[in-house]
Amino acid sequence: MLQLWRLYRAAHGPGLDGIGGTMAGGRWHTIGRRAVYFGATPAIVVLEKLAHIDPDLLPVDLLLGCFEFGKIANPVKITECPPLAGDWVRNEAVTQKLGADWLRAGSACLLNVPSVLLPEESNYVFNPQHENAQHLHLVRERAFSFDARLI
């Protein structure tokens, strides 16, 4: 069973509707597109959060959530990221175009992408407008705080 992990603020909830993506672009999508980012492991979501937040402004209401797809007639479609050429880490336009094209096509619910921080780890871009999106649900969550040695 595929598990997806996400760190999010309790005040805002898991954000599975992708509205946040309409207000801010990300590594794998452009502003105005609904998209939700997950990690394949809890460890990578912790690293990703640290990379994208000011340690002095860490929220005190973080939750670590594990998500799975419920029973669906057909398996959840996952698109694998094609090999990335050039300096894709520094050229966000390359990854944003790839993600925007994937979202526009609507052919899969998930796009498996490498983490910029640790390319051996997988992140997932979730298309909340895909027909299988409604089957993703929270299976467990817990309060999360960063160990002081990390910040």
N, C-alpha and C. Protein backbone atom coordinates (compact mmCIF):
# COMPACT_ATOMS: atom_id res chain seq x y z
N MET A 1 0.85 -1.18 0.00
CA MET A 1 0.00 0.00 0.00
C MET A 1 0.89 1.24 0.00
N LEU A 2 0.66 2.11 -0.95
CA LEU A 2 1.41 3.35 -1.06
C LEU A 2 1.02 4.29 0.07
N GLN A 3 2.03 4.77 0.79
CA GLN A 3 1.80 5.77 1.83
C GLN A 3 2.44 7.08 1.40
N LEU A 4 1.71 8.16 1.61
CA LEU A 4 2.19 9.50 1.32
C LEU A 4 2.23 10.27 2.63
N TRP A 5 3.26 11.09 2.81
CA TRP A 5 3.46 11.82 4.06
C TRP A 5 3.44 13.31 3.80
N ARG A 6 2.94 14.04 4.80
CA ARG A 6 2.85 15.50 4.68
C ARG A 6 2.92 16.13 6.06
N LEU A 7 3.64 17.25 6.16
CA LEU A 7 3.67 18.08 7.37
C LEU A 7 2.81 19.31 7.09
N TYR A 8 1.89 19.60 7.97
CA TYR A 8 0.99 20.73 7.75
C TYR A 8 0.57 21.32 9.08
N ARG A 9 0.08 22.53 9.02
CA ARG A 9 -0.39 23.22 10.22
C ARG A 9 -1.78 22.74 10.58
N ALA A 10 -2.01 22.49 11.83
CA ALA A 10 -3.33 22.09 12.31
C ALA A 10 -4.36 23.16 11.98
N ALA A 11 -3.96 24.42 12.06
CA ALA A 11 -4.88 25.53 11.80
C ALA A 11 -5.39 25.53 10.36
N HIS A 12 -4.62 24.95 9.44
CA HIS A 12 -4.99 24.97 8.02
C HIS A 12 -5.47 23.62 7.51
N GLY A 13 -5.15 22.55 8.22
CA GLY A 13 -5.52 21.20 7.78
C GLY A 13 -4.58 20.70 6.70
N PRO A 14 -4.84 19.49 6.22
CA PRO A 14 -3.93 18.86 5.26
C PRO A 14 -3.86 19.53 3.90
N GLY A 15 -4.85 20.31 3.54
CA GLY A 15 -4.78 21.05 2.27
C GLY A 15 -4.90 20.18 1.04
N LEU A 16 -5.69 19.14 1.10
CA LEU A 16 -5.79 18.21 -0.03
C LEU A 16 -6.51 18.78 -1.24
N ASP A 17 -7.14 19.94 -1.09
CA ASP A 17 -7.83 20.55 -2.23
C ASP A 17 -6.87 21.29 -3.17
N GLY A 18 -5.63 21.52 -2.72
CA GLY A 18 -4.63 22.16 -3.57
C GLY A 18 -4.78 23.65 -3.73
N ILE A 19 -5.66 24.27 -2.94
CA ILE A 19 -5.88 25.72 -3.06
C ILE A 19 -4.58 26.49 -2.86
N GLY A 20 -3.71 26.01 -1.98
CA GLY A 20 -2.44 26.69 -1.75
C GLY A 20 -1.64 26.86 -3.02
N GLY A 21 -1.74 25.90 -3.92
CA GLY A 21 -1.02 25.98 -5.19
C GLY A 21 -1.52 27.08 -6.10
N THR A 22 -2.74 27.53 -5.87
CA THR A 22 -3.26 28.63 -6.69
C THR A 22 -2.71 29.97 -6.24
N MET A 23 -2.19 30.01 -5.01
CA MET A 23 -1.68 31.27 -4.46
C MET A 23 -0.16 31.40 -4.51
N ALA A 24 0.53 30.26 -4.65
CA ALA A 24 1.99 30.27 -4.71
C ALA A 24 2.47 29.13 -5.59
N GLY A 25 3.43 29.42 -6.43
CA GLY A 25 4.03 28.38 -7.25
C GLY A 25 4.98 27.54 -6.41
N GLY A 26 5.41 26.44 -6.96
CA GLY A 26 6.34 25.55 -6.28
C GLY A 26 7.34 24.97 -7.25
N ARG A 27 8.17 24.10 -6.78
CA ARG A 27 9.19 23.47 -7.62
C ARG A 27 8.58 22.79 -8.85
N TRP A 28 7.41 22.17 -8.67
CA TRP A 28 6.83 21.34 -9.74
C TRP A 28 5.51 21.88 -10.28
N HIS A 29 5.16 23.11 -9.98
CA HIS A 29 3.95 23.69 -10.56
C HIS A 29 4.05 25.22 -10.56
N THR A 30 3.25 25.82 -11.40
CA THR A 30 3.23 27.28 -11.48
C THR A 30 2.04 27.81 -10.70
N ILE A 31 2.16 29.05 -10.29
CA ILE A 31 1.09 29.69 -9.52
C ILE A 31 -0.22 29.60 -10.31
N GLY A 32 -1.30 29.41 -9.58
CA GLY A 32 -2.60 29.32 -10.21
C GLY A 32 -3.08 27.89 -10.44
N ARG A 33 -2.21 26.92 -10.26
CA ARG A 33 -2.57 25.50 -10.46
C ARG A 33 -2.74 24.82 -9.12
N ARG A 34 -3.77 24.02 -9.00
CA ARG A 34 -3.97 23.23 -7.78
C ARG A 34 -2.96 22.08 -7.76
N ALA A 35 -2.19 22.01 -6.70
CA ALA A 35 -1.20 20.94 -6.53
C ALA A 35 -0.91 20.79 -5.05
N VAL A 36 -0.65 19.55 -4.64
CA VAL A 36 -0.31 19.26 -3.25
C VAL A 36 0.96 18.41 -3.27
N TYR A 37 1.91 18.74 -2.39
CA TYR A 37 3.17 18.02 -2.33
C TYR A 37 3.19 17.05 -1.15
N PHE A 38 3.68 15.85 -1.42
CA PHE A 38 3.85 14.82 -0.41
C PHE A 38 5.26 14.26 -0.50
N GLY A 39 5.66 13.56 0.54
CA GLY A 39 6.93 12.84 0.52
C GLY A 39 6.66 11.35 0.63
N ALA A 40 7.61 10.56 0.14
CA ALA A 40 7.47 9.11 0.22
C ALA A 40 7.78 8.60 1.62
N THR A 41 8.48 9.41 2.42
CA THR A 41 8.83 9.01 3.78
C THR A 41 8.63 10.21 4.72
N PRO A 42 8.44 9.93 6.00
CA PRO A 42 8.34 11.05 6.94
C PRO A 42 9.63 11.87 6.99
N ALA A 43 10.77 11.20 6.85
CA ALA A 43 12.05 11.91 6.93
C ALA A 43 12.20 12.97 5.85
N ILE A 44 11.79 12.64 4.62
CA ILE A 44 11.97 13.63 3.55
C ILE A 44 11.03 14.81 3.73
N VAL A 45 9.84 14.61 4.27
CA VAL A 45 8.95 15.77 4.47
C VAL A 45 9.50 16.69 5.56
N VAL A 46 10.18 16.12 6.54
CA VAL A 46 10.81 16.94 7.57
C VAL A 46 11.93 17.78 6.96
N LEU A 47 12.78 17.16 6.14
CA LEU A 47 13.86 17.91 5.48
C LEU A 47 13.30 18.99 4.55
N GLU A 48 12.29 18.63 3.80
CA GLU A 48 11.68 19.61 2.88
C GLU A 48 11.10 20.80 3.65
N LYS A 49 10.43 20.55 4.76
CA LYS A 49 9.86 21.64 5.55
C LYS A 49 10.97 22.55 6.07
N LEU A 50 12.06 21.95 6.56
CA LEU A 50 13.18 22.75 7.06
C LEU A 50 13.77 23.63 5.96
N ALA A 51 13.79 23.12 4.75
CA ALA A 51 14.36 23.88 3.63
C ALA A 51 13.47 25.05 3.21
N HIS A 52 12.19 24.98 3.54
CA HIS A 52 11.25 25.98 3.05
C HIS A 52 10.65 26.89 4.11
N ILE A 53 11.23 26.86 5.29
CA ILE A 53 10.65 27.68 6.36
C ILE A 53 11.76 28.35 7.16
N ASP A 54 11.50 29.54 7.63
CA ASP A 54 12.43 30.26 8.49
C ASP A 54 12.38 29.61 9.87
N PRO A 55 13.52 29.08 10.37
CA PRO A 55 13.52 28.42 11.68
C PRO A 55 13.00 29.29 12.82
N ASP A 56 13.11 30.61 12.68
CA ASP A 56 12.60 31.51 13.71
C ASP A 56 11.08 31.64 13.67
N LEU A 57 10.47 31.16 12.60
CA LEU A 57 9.02 31.28 12.44
C LEU A 57 8.33 29.92 12.38
N LEU A 58 8.94 28.91 12.98
CA LEU A 58 8.35 27.58 12.95
C LEU A 58 6.99 27.57 13.65
N PRO A 59 5.98 27.05 12.97
CA PRO A 59 4.66 26.96 13.61
C PRO A 59 4.70 25.97 14.78
N VAL A 60 3.87 26.21 15.75
CA VAL A 60 3.82 25.32 16.92
C VAL A 60 2.71 24.28 16.78
N ASP A 61 1.97 24.35 15.68
CA ASP A 61 0.84 23.42 15.52
C ASP A 61 1.02 22.46 14.33
N LEU A 62 2.27 22.04 14.10
CA LEU A 62 2.51 21.12 12.98
C LEU A 62 1.98 19.72 13.27
N LEU A 63 1.46 19.11 12.21
CA LEU A 63 1.00 17.73 12.28
C LEU A 63 1.70 16.94 11.17
N LEU A 64 2.11 15.74 11.50
CA LEU A 64 2.68 14.83 10.52
C LEU A 64 1.58 13.84 10.16
N GLY A 65 1.18 13.84 8.91
CA GLY A 65 0.08 13.00 8.47
C GLY A 65 0.52 11.95 7.48
N CYS A 66 -0.07 10.78 7.60
CA CYS A 66 0.14 9.68 6.67
C CYS A 66 -1.17 9.47 5.91
N PHE A 67 -1.07 9.39 4.59
CA PHE A 67 -2.23 9.28 3.73
C PHE A 67 -2.13 8.04 2.86
N GLU A 68 -3.28 7.46 2.56
CA GLU A 68 -3.35 6.31 1.67
C GLU A 68 -4.59 6.44 0.80
N PHE A 69 -4.57 5.73 -0.31
CA PHE A 69 -5.75 5.68 -1.17
C PHE A 69 -6.64 4.54 -0.70
N GLY A 70 -7.93 4.83 -0.60
CA GLY A 70 -8.89 3.79 -0.26
C GLY A 70 -9.06 2.85 -1.44
N LYS A 71 -10.00 1.95 -1.30
CA LYS A 71 -10.24 0.98 -2.36
C LYS A 71 -10.81 1.67 -3.59
N ILE A 72 -10.14 1.42 -4.70
CA ILE A 72 -10.54 1.99 -5.98
C ILE A 72 -10.61 0.83 -6.98
N ALA A 73 -11.52 0.93 -7.92
CA ALA A 73 -11.67 -0.12 -8.93
C ALA A 73 -10.38 -0.31 -9.73
N ASN A 74 -9.75 0.78 -10.11
CA ASN A 74 -8.49 0.72 -10.88
C ASN A 74 -7.36 1.22 -10.02
N PRO A 75 -6.15 0.69 -10.22
CA PRO A 75 -5.02 1.18 -9.43
C PRO A 75 -4.78 2.68 -9.65
N VAL A 76 -4.26 3.32 -8.62
CA VAL A 76 -3.94 4.74 -8.72
C VAL A 76 -2.83 4.92 -9.75
N LYS A 77 -3.04 5.84 -10.67
CA LYS A 77 -2.04 6.08 -11.71
C LYS A 77 -0.95 7.00 -11.16
N ILE A 78 0.30 6.56 -11.36
CA ILE A 78 1.45 7.35 -10.94
C ILE A 78 2.34 7.55 -12.16
N THR A 79 2.62 8.80 -12.47
CA THR A 79 3.55 9.12 -13.54
C THR A 79 4.94 9.25 -12.94
N GLU A 80 5.90 8.58 -13.54
CA GLU A 80 7.29 8.70 -13.11
C GLU A 80 7.92 9.90 -13.81
N CYS A 81 8.65 10.69 -13.07
CA CYS A 81 9.34 11.84 -13.64
C CYS A 81 10.35 11.36 -14.68
N PRO A 82 10.34 11.95 -15.87
CA PRO A 82 11.35 11.55 -16.86
C PRO A 82 12.74 12.01 -16.40
N PRO A 83 13.78 11.44 -16.98
CA PRO A 83 15.14 11.89 -16.63
C PRO A 83 15.27 13.40 -16.85
N LEU A 84 15.88 14.05 -15.88
CA LEU A 84 16.01 15.50 -15.94
C LEU A 84 17.40 15.87 -16.43
N ALA A 85 17.45 16.64 -17.49
CA ALA A 85 18.73 17.03 -18.07
C ALA A 85 19.15 18.41 -17.57
N GLY A 86 20.42 18.69 -17.73
CA GLY A 86 20.94 20.00 -17.36
C GLY A 86 20.89 20.23 -15.87
N ASP A 87 20.95 21.49 -15.50
CA ASP A 87 20.96 21.85 -14.08
C ASP A 87 19.54 22.12 -13.60
N TRP A 88 18.72 21.07 -13.53
CA TRP A 88 17.33 21.21 -13.16
C TRP A 88 17.15 21.71 -11.73
N VAL A 89 18.16 21.49 -10.88
CA VAL A 89 18.06 21.94 -9.49
C VAL A 89 18.01 23.46 -9.43
N ARG A 90 18.82 24.11 -10.23
CA ARG A 90 18.87 25.58 -10.21
C ARG A 90 17.89 26.21 -11.20
N ASN A 91 17.40 25.43 -12.14
CA ASN A 91 16.50 25.95 -13.16
C ASN A 91 15.07 25.48 -12.89
N GLU A 92 14.41 26.17 -11.98
CA GLU A 92 13.06 25.80 -11.57
C GLU A 92 12.06 25.86 -12.72
N ALA A 93 12.34 26.65 -13.74
CA ALA A 93 11.43 26.75 -14.88
C ALA A 93 11.27 25.39 -15.56
N VAL A 94 12.33 24.60 -15.59
CA VAL A 94 12.28 23.27 -16.21
C VAL A 94 11.31 22.36 -15.45
N THR A 95 11.44 22.32 -14.13
CA THR A 95 10.57 21.44 -13.35
C THR A 95 9.15 21.97 -13.29
N GLN A 96 8.99 23.29 -13.26
CA GLN A 96 7.64 23.86 -13.25
C GLN A 96 6.91 23.56 -14.55
N LYS A 97 7.61 23.62 -15.68
CA LYS A 97 6.98 23.30 -16.95
C LYS A 97 6.58 21.83 -16.99
N LEU A 98 7.46 20.96 -16.54
CA LEU A 98 7.14 19.54 -16.53
C LEU A 98 5.90 19.28 -15.68
N GLY A 99 5.86 19.86 -14.48
CA GLY A 99 4.72 19.68 -13.60
C GLY A 99 3.45 20.30 -14.14
N ALA A 100 3.56 21.49 -14.72
CA ALA A 100 2.38 22.17 -15.28
C ALA A 100 1.81 21.36 -16.44
N ASP A 101 2.69 20.83 -17.30
CA ASP A 101 2.23 19.99 -18.42
C ASP A 101 1.54 18.74 -17.89
N TRP A 102 2.11 18.14 -16.85
CA TRP A 102 1.53 16.92 -16.26
C TRP A 102 0.15 17.23 -15.66
N LEU A 103 0.04 18.31 -14.91
CA LEU A 103 -1.24 18.69 -14.31
C LEU A 103 -2.28 18.97 -15.40
N ARG A 104 -1.87 19.66 -16.43
CA ARG A 104 -2.79 20.01 -17.52
C ARG A 104 -3.31 18.75 -18.22
N ALA A 105 -2.44 17.76 -18.40
CA ALA A 105 -2.83 16.51 -19.07
C ALA A 105 -3.85 15.74 -18.23
N GLY A 106 -3.73 15.79 -16.92
CA GLY A 106 -4.69 15.14 -16.03
C GLY A 106 -4.72 13.62 -16.14
N SER A 107 -3.64 13.03 -16.62
CA SER A 107 -3.63 11.59 -16.89
C SER A 107 -3.35 10.73 -15.67
N ALA A 108 -2.84 11.31 -14.61
CA ALA A 108 -2.50 10.54 -13.41
C ALA A 108 -2.77 11.38 -12.17
N CYS A 109 -2.94 10.69 -11.07
CA CYS A 109 -3.22 11.36 -9.79
C CYS A 109 -1.93 11.82 -9.11
N LEU A 110 -0.83 11.11 -9.38
CA LEU A 110 0.44 11.41 -8.73
C LEU A 110 1.58 11.50 -9.75
N LEU A 111 2.48 12.42 -9.48
CA LEU A 111 3.72 12.53 -10.24
C LEU A 111 4.86 12.27 -9.26
N ASN A 112 5.62 11.21 -9.49
CA ASN A 112 6.75 10.86 -8.63
C ASN A 112 7.97 11.64 -9.11
N VAL A 113 8.51 12.48 -8.23
CA VAL A 113 9.62 13.36 -8.59
C VAL A 113 10.76 13.21 -7.57
N PRO A 114 11.99 13.49 -7.99
CA PRO A 114 13.09 13.44 -7.03
C PRO A 114 13.09 14.66 -6.12
N SER A 115 13.57 14.48 -4.91
CA SER A 115 13.76 15.61 -4.01
C SER A 115 15.01 16.37 -4.45
N VAL A 116 14.92 17.68 -4.45
CA VAL A 116 16.10 18.49 -4.76
C VAL A 116 17.14 18.33 -3.66
N LEU A 117 16.69 18.20 -2.43
CA LEU A 117 17.60 18.07 -1.29
C LEU A 117 18.35 16.76 -1.29
N LEU A 118 17.67 15.72 -1.70
CA LEU A 118 18.24 14.37 -1.68
C LEU A 118 17.60 13.60 -2.83
N PRO A 119 18.18 13.67 -4.04
CA PRO A 119 17.53 13.10 -5.22
C PRO A 119 17.25 11.59 -5.13
N GLU A 120 17.87 10.92 -4.19
CA GLU A 120 17.59 9.49 -4.00
C GLU A 120 16.24 9.27 -3.33
N GLU A 121 15.66 10.32 -2.78
CA GLU A 121 14.35 10.26 -2.13
C GLU A 121 13.27 10.73 -3.10
N SER A 122 12.08 10.22 -2.91
CA SER A 122 10.95 10.59 -3.77
C SER A 122 9.99 11.54 -3.06
N ASN A 123 9.54 12.50 -3.83
CA ASN A 123 8.41 13.33 -3.45
C ASN A 123 7.31 13.05 -4.46
N TYR A 124 6.11 13.42 -4.12
CA TYR A 124 4.98 13.24 -5.03
C TYR A 124 4.22 14.54 -5.16
N VAL A 125 3.84 14.85 -6.39
CA VAL A 125 2.92 15.95 -6.64
C VAL A 125 1.56 15.28 -6.84
N PHE A 126 0.58 15.75 -6.09
CA PHE A 126 -0.77 15.20 -6.11
C PHE A 126 -1.67 16.14 -6.89
N ASN A 127 -2.40 15.59 -7.83
CA ASN A 127 -3.36 16.36 -8.62
C ASN A 127 -4.74 16.22 -7.97
N PRO A 128 -5.18 17.21 -7.21
CA PRO A 128 -6.45 17.10 -6.50
C PRO A 128 -7.67 17.11 -7.43
N GLN A 129 -7.45 17.38 -8.71
CA GLN A 129 -8.56 17.42 -9.66
C GLN A 129 -8.68 16.12 -10.46
N HIS A 130 -7.80 15.17 -10.19
CA HIS A 130 -7.88 13.88 -10.87
C HIS A 130 -9.03 13.06 -10.29
N GLU A 131 -9.62 12.18 -11.10
CA GLU A 131 -10.78 11.40 -10.66
C GLU A 131 -10.49 10.52 -9.44
N ASN A 132 -9.24 10.09 -9.23
CA ASN A 132 -8.90 9.26 -8.08
C ASN A 132 -8.56 10.06 -6.83
N ALA A 133 -8.48 11.38 -6.95
CA ALA A 133 -8.08 12.23 -5.82
C ALA A 133 -9.01 12.06 -4.62
N GLN A 134 -10.27 11.87 -4.88
CA GLN A 134 -11.25 11.76 -3.79
C GLN A 134 -11.02 10.52 -2.92
N HIS A 135 -10.22 9.59 -3.39
CA HIS A 135 -9.98 8.35 -2.63
C HIS A 135 -8.78 8.45 -1.68
N LEU A 136 -8.06 9.57 -1.73
CA LEU A 136 -6.93 9.75 -0.81
C LEU A 136 -7.48 10.21 0.53
N HIS A 137 -7.05 9.53 1.59
CA HIS A 137 -7.54 9.93 2.91
C HIS A 137 -6.44 9.80 3.96
N LEU A 138 -6.61 10.57 5.00
CA LEU A 138 -5.71 10.56 6.15
C LEU A 138 -5.92 9.28 6.93
N VAL A 139 -4.83 8.53 7.18
CA VAL A 139 -4.98 7.30 7.97
C VAL A 139 -4.46 7.48 9.40
N ARG A 140 -3.53 8.41 9.57
CA ARG A 140 -3.09 8.74 10.92
C ARG A 140 -2.30 10.05 10.88
N GLU A 141 -2.30 10.71 12.03
CA GLU A 141 -1.53 11.94 12.17
C GLU A 141 -1.10 12.08 13.62
N ARG A 142 -0.05 12.85 13.81
CA ARG A 142 0.42 13.13 15.17
C ARG A 142 1.02 14.51 15.20
N ALA A 143 1.04 15.07 16.40
CA ALA A 143 1.69 16.37 16.58
C ALA A 143 3.17 16.21 16.27
N PHE A 144 3.75 17.23 15.66
CA PHE A 144 5.17 17.18 15.29
C PHE A 144 5.84 18.47 15.71
N SER A 145 7.04 18.34 16.26
CA SER A 145 7.89 19.51 16.50
C SER A 145 9.31 19.12 16.14
N PHE A 146 10.05 20.09 15.67
CA PHE A 146 11.43 19.85 15.26
C PHE A 146 12.32 19.72 16.50
N ASP A 147 13.20 18.74 16.45
CA ASP A 147 14.21 18.58 17.49
C ASP A 147 15.10 19.84 17.44
N ALA A 148 15.42 20.40 18.56
CA ALA A 148 16.21 21.64 18.62
C ALA A 148 17.57 21.49 17.95
N ARG A 149 18.09 20.29 17.84
CA ARG A 149 19.40 20.09 17.18
C ARG A 149 19.32 20.32 15.69
N LEU A 150 18.13 20.30 15.12
CA LEU A 150 17.98 20.52 13.69
C LEU A 150 17.82 21.99 13.33
N ILE A 151 17.44 22.80 14.30
CA ILE A 151 17.22 24.21 14.01
C ILE A 151 18.15 25.03 14.82
